[in-house]
């Protein structure tokens, strides 16, 4: 069982824990130096997701609008042209 855990973690649990602690302190120092906190990163992620959502489905809304606007002109012209073609036969 211990061998499976070591294989999963990529080393002994103690050495992996020490590496994670050191890496966490280093990343925490860099983020503090940049004056970022978890709230800022979460806020940025949420704003980015909101922008992506609005970009994708906002453009979808415009596409549906353009489709309906064009169909209001094209479909009646199509129907009239078919009726005129049937009248010639």
PDB file of N, CA and C in Angstrom:
ATOM      1  N   UNK A   1       0.824  -1.194   0.000  1.00  0.00           N
ATOM      2  CA  UNK A   1       0.000   0.000   0.000  1.00  0.00           C
ATOM      3  C   UNK A   1       0.863   1.251   0.000  1.00  0.00           C
ATOM      4  N   UNK A   2       1.925   1.256   0.790  1.00  0.00           N
ATOM      5  CA  UNK A   2       2.824   2.397   0.881  1.00  0.00           C
ATOM      6  C   UNK A   2       3.486   2.677  -0.464  1.00  0.00           C
ATOM      7  N   UNK A   3       3.807   1.599  -1.193  1.00  0.00           N
ATOM      8  CA  UNK A   3       4.429   1.767  -2.503  1.00  0.00           C
ATOM      9  C   UNK A   3       3.455   2.424  -3.482  1.00  0.00           C
ATOM     10  N   UNK A   4       2.175   2.074  -3.399  1.00  0.00           N
ATOM     11  CA  UNK A   4       1.164   2.663  -4.278  1.00  0.00           C
ATOM     12  C   UNK A   4       0.995   4.153  -3.974  1.00  0.00           C
ATOM     13  N   UNK A   5       1.027   4.503  -2.706  1.00  0.00           N
ATOM     14  CA  UNK A   5       0.906   5.913  -2.317  1.00  0.00           C
ATOM     15  C   UNK A   5       2.116   6.701  -2.806  1.00  0.00           C
ATOM     16  N   UNK A   6       3.316   6.137  -2.629  1.00  0.00           N
ATOM     17  CA  UNK A   6       4.535   6.802  -3.091  1.00  0.00           C
ATOM     18  C   UNK A   6       4.523   6.976  -4.608  1.00  0.00           C
ATOM     19  N   UNK A   7       4.045   5.952  -5.304  1.00  0.00           N
ATOM     20  CA  UNK A   7       3.966   6.044  -6.768  1.00  0.00           C
ATOM     21  C   UNK A   7       2.967   7.127  -7.176  1.00  0.00           C
ATOM     22  N   UNK A   8       1.827   7.181  -6.485  1.00  0.00           N
ATOM     23  CA  UNK A   8       0.807   8.180  -6.792  1.00  0.00           C
ATOM     24  C   UNK A   8       1.321   9.600  -6.531  1.00  0.00           C
ATOM     25  N   UNK A   9       2.015   9.781  -5.403  1.00  0.00           N
ATOM     26  CA  UNK A   9       2.490  11.113  -5.027  1.00  0.00           C
ATOM     27  C   UNK A   9       3.749  11.529  -5.780  1.00  0.00           C
ATOM     28  N   UNK A  10       4.493  10.563  -6.285  1.00  0.00           N
ATOM     29  CA  UNK A  10       5.736  10.881  -6.984  1.00  0.00           C
ATOM     30  C   UNK A  10       6.922  10.928  -6.037  1.00  0.00           C
ATOM     31  N   UNK A  11       6.842  10.269  -4.926  1.00  0.00           N
ATOM     32  CA  UNK A  11       7.910  10.227  -3.935  1.00  0.00           C
ATOM     33  C   UNK A  11       7.332   9.876  -2.584  1.00  0.00           C
ATOM     34  N   UNK A  12       8.177   9.892  -1.578  1.00  0.00           N
ATOM     35  CA  UNK A  12       7.676   9.563  -0.244  1.00  0.00           C
ATOM     36  C   UNK A  12       6.763  10.683   0.243  1.00  0.00           C
ATOM     37  N   UNK A  13       5.756  10.347   1.033  1.00  0.00           N
ATOM     38  CA  UNK A  13       4.807  11.363   1.491  1.00  0.00           C
ATOM     39  C   UNK A  13       5.465  12.528   2.241  1.00  0.00           C
ATOM     40  N   UNK A  14       6.502  12.251   3.028  1.00  0.00           N
ATOM     41  CA  UNK A  14       7.181  13.322   3.776  1.00  0.00           C
ATOM     42  C   UNK A  14       7.876  14.285   2.819  1.00  0.00           C
ATOM     43  N   UNK A  15       8.603  13.757   1.821  1.00  0.00           N
ATOM     44  CA  UNK A  15       9.315  14.646   0.892  1.00  0.00           C
ATOM     45  C   UNK A  15       8.337  15.444   0.033  1.00  0.00           C
ATOM     46  N   UNK A  16       7.235  14.813  -0.344  1.00  0.00           N
ATOM     47  CA  UNK A  16       6.220  15.526  -1.135  1.00  0.00           C
ATOM     48  C   UNK A  16       5.597  16.635  -0.293  1.00  0.00           C
ATOM     49  N   UNK A  17       5.311  16.374   0.981  1.00  0.00           N
ATOM     50  CA  UNK A  17       4.736  17.381   1.865  1.00  0.00           C
ATOM     51  C   UNK A  17       5.691  18.556   2.034  1.00  0.00           C
ATOM     52  N   UNK A  18       6.981  18.279   2.192  1.00  0.00           N
ATOM     53  CA  UNK A  18       7.973  19.354   2.341  1.00  0.00           C
ATOM     54  C   UNK A  18       8.048  20.197   1.074  1.00  0.00           C
ATOM     55  N   UNK A  19       8.061  19.521  -0.083  1.00  0.00           N
ATOM     56  CA  UNK A  19       8.095  20.274  -1.352  1.00  0.00           C
ATOM     57  C   UNK A  19       6.850  21.141  -1.510  1.00  0.00           C
ATOM     58  N   UNK A  20       5.678  20.596  -1.165  1.00  0.00           N
ATOM     59  CA  UNK A  20       4.438  21.371  -1.278  1.00  0.00           C
ATOM     60  C   UNK A  20       4.437  22.566  -0.329  1.00  0.00           C
ATOM     61  N   UNK A  21       4.961  22.385   0.880  1.00  0.00           N
ATOM     62  CA  UNK A  21       5.034  23.498   1.831  1.00  0.00           C
ATOM     63  C   UNK A  21       5.944  24.597   1.310  1.00  0.00           C
ATOM     64  N   UNK A  22       7.116  24.223   0.819  1.00  0.00           N
ATOM     65  CA  UNK A  22       8.052  25.228   0.290  1.00  0.00           C
ATOM     66  C   UNK A  22       7.484  25.933  -0.933  1.00  0.00           C
ATOM     67  N   UNK A  23       6.877  25.175  -1.821  1.00  0.00           N
ATOM     68  CA  UNK A  23       6.280  25.768  -3.022  1.00  0.00           C
ATOM     69  C   UNK A  23       5.123  26.696  -2.644  1.00  0.00           C
ATOM     70  N   UNK A  24       4.329  26.316  -1.654  1.00  0.00           N
ATOM     71  CA  UNK A  24       3.212  27.160  -1.210  1.00  0.00           C
ATOM     72  C   UNK A  24       3.710  28.476  -0.624  1.00  0.00           C
ATOM     73  N   UNK A  25       4.791  28.408   0.169  1.00  0.00           N
ATOM     74  CA  UNK A  25       5.356  29.635   0.740  1.00  0.00           C
ATOM     75  C   UNK A  25       5.898  30.527  -0.368  1.00  0.00           C
ATOM     76  N   UNK A  26       6.585  29.945  -1.353  1.00  0.00           N
ATOM     77  CA  UNK A  26       7.141  30.729  -2.464  1.00  0.00           C
ATOM     78  C   UNK A  26       6.023  31.395  -3.271  1.00  0.00           C
ATOM     79  N   UNK A  27       5.002  30.630  -3.624  1.00  0.00           N
ATOM     80  CA  UNK A  27       3.880  31.189  -4.400  1.00  0.00           C
ATOM     81  C   UNK A  27       3.144  32.243  -3.572  1.00  0.00           C
ATOM     82  N   UNK A  28       2.958  31.990  -2.283  1.00  0.00           N
ATOM     83  CA  UNK A  28       2.322  32.970  -1.406  1.00  0.00           C
ATOM     84  C   UNK A  28       3.106  34.261  -1.338  1.00  0.00           C
ATOM     85  N   UNK A  29       4.448  34.163  -1.284  1.00  0.00           N
ATOM     86  CA  UNK A  29       5.286  35.357  -1.274  1.00  0.00           C
ATOM     87  C   UNK A  29       5.144  36.141  -2.571  1.00  0.00           C
ATOM     88  N   UNK A  30       5.171  35.448  -3.692  1.00  0.00           N
ATOM     89  CA  UNK A  30       5.053  36.121  -5.002  1.00  0.00           C
ATOM     90  C   UNK A  30       3.685  36.786  -5.133  1.00  0.00           C
ATOM     91  N   UNK A  31       2.617  36.082  -4.745  1.00  0.00           N
ATOM     92  CA  UNK A  31       1.277  36.673  -4.833  1.00  0.00           C
ATOM     93  C   UNK A  31       1.131  37.870  -3.902  1.00  0.00           C
ATOM     94  N   UNK A  32       1.749  37.798  -2.719  1.00  0.00           N
ATOM     95  CA  UNK A  32       1.722  38.929  -1.799  1.00  0.00           C
ATOM     96  C   UNK A  32       2.484  40.108  -2.376  1.00  0.00           C
ATOM     97  N   UNK A  33       3.615  39.838  -3.013  1.00  0.00           N
ATOM     98  CA  UNK A  33       4.417  40.885  -3.639  1.00  0.00           C
ATOM     99  C   UNK A  33       3.627  41.559  -4.761  1.00  0.00           C
ATOM    100  N   UNK A  34       2.841  40.772  -5.498  1.00  0.00           N
ATOM    101  CA  UNK A  34       2.000  41.319  -6.570  1.00  0.00           C
ATOM    102  C   UNK A  34       0.709  41.944  -6.033  1.00  0.00           C
ATOM    103  N   UNK A  35       0.502  41.842  -4.721  1.00  0.00           N
ATOM    104  CA  UNK A  35      -0.686  42.356  -4.039  1.00  0.00           C
ATOM    105  C   UNK A  35      -1.968  41.701  -4.549  1.00  0.00           C
ATOM    106  N   UNK A  36      -1.868  40.415  -4.796  1.00  0.00           N
ATOM    107  CA  UNK A  36      -3.040  39.618  -5.158  1.00  0.00           C
ATOM    108  C   UNK A  36      -3.454  38.831  -3.942  1.00  0.00           C
ATOM    109  N   UNK A  37      -4.740  38.670  -3.794  1.00  0.00           N
ATOM    110  CA  UNK A  37      -5.223  37.777  -2.751  1.00  0.00           C
ATOM    111  C   UNK A  37      -6.246  36.830  -3.382  1.00  0.00           C
ATOM    112  N   UNK A  38      -6.650  35.800  -2.657  1.00  0.00           N
ATOM    113  CA  UNK A  38      -7.585  34.831  -3.248  1.00  0.00           C
ATOM    114  C   UNK A  38      -8.869  35.479  -3.757  1.00  0.00           C
ATOM    115  N   UNK A  39      -9.349  36.517  -3.062  1.00  0.00           N
ATOM    116  CA  UNK A  39     -10.564  37.192  -3.515  1.00  0.00           C
ATOM    117  C   UNK A  39     -10.343  37.840  -4.888  1.00  0.00           C
ATOM    118  N   UNK A  40      -9.185  38.489  -5.087  1.00  0.00           N
ATOM    119  CA  UNK A  40      -8.893  39.112  -6.379  1.00  0.00           C
ATOM    120  C   UNK A  40      -8.857  38.076  -7.495  1.00  0.00           C
ATOM    121  N   UNK A  41      -8.219  36.941  -7.227  1.00  0.00           N
ATOM    122  CA  UNK A  41      -8.129  35.904  -8.260  1.00  0.00           C
ATOM    123  C   UNK A  41      -9.500  35.312  -8.561  1.00  0.00           C
ATOM    124  N   UNK A  42     -10.316  35.105  -7.528  1.00  0.00           N
ATOM    125  CA  UNK A  42     -11.665  34.587  -7.735  1.00  0.00           C
ATOM    126  C   UNK A  42     -12.524  35.612  -8.471  1.00  0.00           C
ATOM    127  N   UNK A  43     -12.387  36.874  -8.119  1.00  0.00           N
ATOM    128  CA  UNK A  43     -13.122  37.941  -8.799  1.00  0.00           C
ATOM    129  C   UNK A  43     -12.727  38.016 -10.270  1.00  0.00           C
ATOM    130  N   UNK A  44     -11.428  37.898 -10.549  1.00  0.00           N
ATOM    131  CA  UNK A  44     -10.956  37.914 -11.938  1.00  0.00           C
ATOM    132  C   UNK A  44     -11.528  36.735 -12.712  1.00  0.00           C
ATOM    133  N   UNK A  45     -11.523  35.554 -12.097  1.00  0.00           N
ATOM    134  CA  UNK A  45     -12.053  34.367 -12.764  1.00  0.00           C
ATOM    135  C   UNK A  45     -13.544  34.530 -13.056  1.00  0.00           C
ATOM    136  N   UNK A  46     -14.288  35.067 -12.110  1.00  0.00           N
ATOM    137  CA  UNK A  46     -15.722  35.252 -12.312  1.00  0.00           C
ATOM    138  C   UNK A  46     -16.004  36.296 -13.396  1.00  0.00           C
ATOM    139  N   UNK A  47     -15.236  37.386 -13.399  1.00  0.00           N
ATOM    140  CA  UNK A  47     -15.418  38.398 -14.452  1.00  0.00           C
ATOM    141  C   UNK A  47     -15.068  37.823 -15.818  1.00  0.00           C
ATOM    142  N   UNK A  48     -14.025  36.997 -15.888  1.00  0.00           N
ATOM    143  CA  UNK A  48     -13.641  36.379 -17.154  1.00  0.00           C
ATOM    144  C   UNK A  48     -14.732  35.434 -17.644  1.00  0.00           C
ATOM    145  N   UNK A  49     -15.267  34.609 -16.750  1.00  0.00           N
ATOM    146  CA  UNK A  49     -16.357  33.709 -17.145  1.00  0.00           C
ATOM    147  C   UNK A  49     -17.588  34.486 -17.586  1.00  0.00           C
ATOM    148  N   UNK A  50     -17.889  35.587 -16.911  1.00  0.00           N
ATOM    149  CA  UNK A  50     -19.020  36.422 -17.302  1.00  0.00           C
ATOM    150  C   UNK A  50     -18.799  37.018 -18.687  1.00  0.00           C
ATOM    151  N   UNK A  51     -17.572  37.477 -18.945  1.00  0.00           N
ATOM    152  CA  UNK A  51     -17.253  38.040 -20.268  1.00  0.00           C
ATOM    153  C   UNK A  51     -17.391  36.978 -21.354  1.00  0.00           C
ATOM    154  N   UNK A  52     -16.889  35.765 -21.089  1.00  0.00           N
ATOM    155  CA  UNK A  52     -16.996  34.677 -22.071  1.00  0.00           C
ATOM    156  C   UNK A  52     -18.463  34.348 -22.324  1.00  0.00           C
ATOM    157  N   UNK A  53     -19.248  34.255 -21.245  1.00  0.00           N
ATOM    158  CA  UNK A  53     -20.675  33.940 -21.382  1.00  0.00           C
ATOM    159  C   UNK A  53     -21.377  34.992 -22.230  1.00  0.00           C
ATOM    160  N   UNK A  54     -21.123  36.260 -21.914  1.00  0.00           N
ATOM    161  CA  UNK A  54     -21.776  37.343 -22.671  1.00  0.00           C
ATOM    162  C   UNK A  54     -21.289  37.382 -24.113  1.00  0.00           C
ATOM    163  N   UNK A  55     -20.030  37.086 -24.343  1.00  0.00           N
ATOM    164  CA  UNK A  55     -19.499  37.092 -25.707  1.00  0.00           C
ATOM    165  C   UNK A  55     -20.132  35.989 -26.540  1.00  0.00           C
ATOM    166  N   UNK A  56     -20.218  34.789 -25.975  1.00  0.00           N
ATOM    167  CA  UNK A  56     -20.779  33.670 -26.730  1.00  0.00           C
ATOM    168  C   UNK A  56     -22.270  33.843 -26.964  1.00  0.00           C
ATOM    169  N   UNK A  57     -23.021  34.077 -25.893  1.00  0.00           N
ATOM    170  CA  UNK A  57     -24.460  34.107 -26.040  1.00  0.00           C
ATOM    171  C   UNK A  57     -24.987  35.479 -26.422  1.00  0.00           C
ATOM    172  N   UNK A  58     -24.206  36.519 -26.227  1.00  0.00           N
ATOM    173  CA  UNK A  58     -24.582  37.830 -26.733  1.00  0.00           C
ATOM    174  C   UNK A  58     -24.532  37.834 -28.252  1.00  0.00           C
ATOM    175  N   UNK A  59     -23.506  37.214 -28.803  1.00  0.00           N
ATOM    176  CA  UNK A  59     -23.410  37.135 -30.258  1.00  0.00           C
ATOM    177  C   UNK A  59     -24.473  36.196 -30.806  1.00  0.00           C
ATOM    178  N   UNK A  60     -24.846  35.184 -30.037  1.00  0.00           N
ATOM    179  CA  UNK A  60     -25.908  34.279 -30.459  1.00  0.00           C
ATOM    180  C   UNK A  60     -27.229  35.047 -30.547  1.00  0.00           C
ATOM    181  N   UNK A  61     -27.458  35.933 -29.582  1.00  0.00           N
ATOM    182  CA  UNK A  61     -28.673  36.741 -29.588  1.00  0.00           C
ATOM    183  C   UNK A  61     -28.701  37.649 -30.820  1.00  0.00           C
ATOM    184  N   UNK A  62     -27.540  38.239 -31.150  1.00  0.00           N
ATOM    185  CA  UNK A  62     -27.477  39.083 -32.349  1.00  0.00           C
ATOM    186  C   UNK A  62     -27.693  38.256 -33.607  1.00  0.00           C
ATOM    187  N   UNK A  63     -27.165  37.041 -33.651  1.00  0.00           N
ATOM    188  CA  UNK A  63     -27.343  36.182 -34.830  1.00  0.00           C
ATOM    189  C   UNK A  63     -28.815  35.847 -35.022  1.00  0.00           C
ATOM    190  N   UNK A  64     -29.519  35.548 -33.940  1.00  0.00           N
ATOM    191  CA  UNK A  64     -30.952  35.263 -34.039  1.00  0.00           C
ATOM    192  C   UNK A  64     -31.704  36.507 -34.504  1.00  0.00           C
ATOM    193  N   UNK A  65     -31.316  37.667 -34.003  1.00  0.00           N
ATOM    194  CA  UNK A  65     -31.947  38.919 -34.432  1.00  0.00           C
ATOM    195  C   UNK A  65     -31.752  39.137 -35.921  1.00  0.00           C
ATOM    196  N   UNK A  66     -30.521  38.954 -36.418  1.00  0.00           N
ATOM    197  CA  UNK A  66     -30.248  39.140 -37.840  1.00  0.00           C
ATOM    198  C   UNK A  66     -31.014  38.116 -38.677  1.00  0.00           C
ATOM    199  N   UNK A  67     -31.102  36.889 -38.175  1.00  0.00           N
ATOM    200  CA  UNK A  67     -31.852  35.858 -38.889  1.00  0.00           C
ATOM    201  C   UNK A  67     -33.319  36.256 -39.020  1.00  0.00           C
ATOM    202  N   UNK A  68     -33.928  36.681 -37.931  1.00  0.00           N
ATOM    203  CA  UNK A  68     -35.344  37.050 -37.971  1.00  0.00           C
ATOM    204  C   UNK A  68     -35.582  38.279 -38.836  1.00  0.00           C
ATOM    205  N   UNK A  69     -34.656  39.226 -38.764  1.00  0.00           N
ATOM    206  CA  UNK A  69     -34.779  40.422 -39.580  1.00  0.00           C
ATOM    207  C   UNK A  69     -34.703  40.067 -41.064  1.00  0.00           C
ATOM    208  N   UNK A  70     -33.742  39.240 -41.424  1.00  0.00           N
ATOM    209  CA  UNK A  70     -33.615  38.814 -42.823  1.00  0.00           C
ATOM    210  C   UNK A  70     -34.778  37.949 -43.260  1.00  0.00           C
ATOM    211  N   UNK A  71     -35.234  37.054 -42.379  1.00  0.00           N
ATOM    212  CA  UNK A  71     -36.352  36.171 -42.733  1.00  0.00           C
ATOM    213  C   UNK A  71     -37.631  36.954 -42.965  1.00  0.00           C
ATOM    214  N   UNK A  72     -37.788  38.091 -42.289  1.00  0.00           N
ATOM    215  CA  UNK A  72     -38.977  38.923 -42.488  1.00  0.00           C
ATOM    216  C   UNK A  72     -39.052  39.448 -43.913  1.00  0.00           C
ATOM    217  N   UNK A  73     -37.925  39.535 -44.589  1.00  0.00           N
ATOM    218  CA  UNK A  73     -37.902  40.002 -45.973  1.00  0.00           C
ATOM    219  C   UNK A  73     -37.821  38.823 -46.945  1.00  0.00           C
ATOM    220  N   UNK A  74     -36.962  37.865 -46.664  1.00  0.00           N
ATOM    221  CA  UNK A  74     -36.687  36.774 -47.607  1.00  0.00           C
ATOM    222  C   UNK A  74     -37.872  35.824 -47.746  1.00  0.00           C
ATOM    223  N   UNK A  75     -38.487  35.434 -46.638  1.00  0.00           N
ATOM    224  CA  UNK A  75     -39.566  34.444 -46.707  1.00  0.00           C
ATOM    225  C   UNK A  75     -40.764  34.959 -47.504  1.00  0.00           C
ATOM    226  N   UNK A  76     -41.254  36.175 -47.286  1.00  0.00           N
ATOM    227  CA  UNK A  76     -42.366  36.646 -48.136  1.00  0.00           C
ATOM    228  C   UNK A  76     -41.989  36.722 -49.624  1.00  0.00           C
ATOM    229  N   UNK A  77     -40.764  37.156 -49.920  1.00  0.00           N
ATOM    230  CA  UNK A  77     -40.343  37.204 -51.327  1.00  0.00           C
ATOM    231  C   UNK A  77     -40.315  35.795 -51.911  1.00  0.00           C
ATOM    232  N   UNK A  78     -39.838  34.810 -51.147  1.00  0.00           N
ATOM    233  CA  UNK A  78     -39.808  33.416 -51.596  1.00  0.00           C
ATOM    234  C   UNK A  78     -41.218  32.909 -51.870  1.00  0.00           C
ATOM    235  N   UNK A  79     -42.137  33.198 -50.951  1.00  0.00           N
ATOM    236  CA  UNK A  79     -43.517  32.723 -51.120  1.00  0.00           C
ATOM    237  C   UNK A  79     -44.165  33.369 -52.340  1.00  0.00           C
ATOM    238  N   UNK A  80     -43.978  34.667 -52.520  1.00  0.00           N
ATOM    239  CA  UNK A  80     -44.548  35.354 -53.683  1.00  0.00           C
ATOM    240  C   UNK A  80     -43.959  34.799 -54.970  1.00  0.00           C
ATOM    241  N   UNK A  81     -42.640  34.556 -55.000  1.00  0.00           N
ATOM    242  CA  UNK A  81     -42.025  34.021 -56.223  1.00  0.00           C
ATOM    243  C   UNK A  81     -42.541  32.617 -56.527  1.00  0.00           C
ATOM    244  N   UNK A  82     -42.784  31.798 -55.522  1.00  0.00           N
ATOM    245  CA  UNK A  82     -43.341  30.452 -55.742  1.00  0.00           C
ATOM    246  C   UNK A  82     -44.775  30.542 -56.250  1.00  0.00           C
ATOM    247  N   UNK A  83     -45.543  31.473 -55.680  1.00  0.00           N
ATOM    248  CA  UNK A  83     -46.932  31.614 -56.142  1.00  0.00           C
ATOM    249  C   UNK A  83     -46.969  32.095 -57.597  1.00  0.00           C
ATOM    250  N   UNK A  84     -46.070  33.027 -57.963  1.00  0.00           N
ATOM    251  CA  UNK A  84     -46.025  33.502 -59.343  1.00  0.00           C
ATOM    252  C   UNK A  84     -45.584  32.396 -60.281  1.00  0.00           C
ATOM    253  N   UNK A  85     -44.645  31.553 -59.830  1.00  0.00           N
ATOM    254  CA  UNK A  85     -44.193  30.445 -60.664  1.00  0.00           C
ATOM    255  C   UNK A  85     -45.316  29.423 -60.868  1.00  0.00           C
ATOM    256  N   UNK A  86     -46.120  29.181 -59.818  1.00  0.00           N
ATOM    257  CA  UNK A  86     -47.248  28.243 -59.966  1.00  0.00           C
ATOM    258  C   UNK A  86     -48.301  28.823 -60.923  1.00  0.00           C
ATOM    259  N   UNK A  87     -48.457  30.148 -60.935  1.00  0.00           N
ATOM    260  CA  UNK A  87     -49.456  30.781 -61.809  1.00  0.00           C
ATOM    261  C   UNK A  87     -49.090  30.673 -63.283  1.00  0.00           C
ATOM    262  N   UNK A  88     -47.809  30.555 -63.615  1.00  0.00           N
ATOM    263  CA  UNK A  88     -47.372  30.441 -65.004  1.00  0.00           C
ATOM    264  C   UNK A  88     -47.665  29.068 -65.583  1.00  0.00           C
ATOM    265  N   UNK A  89     -47.773  28.057 -64.737  1.00  0.00           N
ATOM    266  CA  UNK A  89     -47.972  26.691 -65.257  1.00  0.00           C
ATOM    267  C   UNK A  89     -49.321  26.488 -65.780  1.00  0.00           C
TER     268      UNK A  89
END
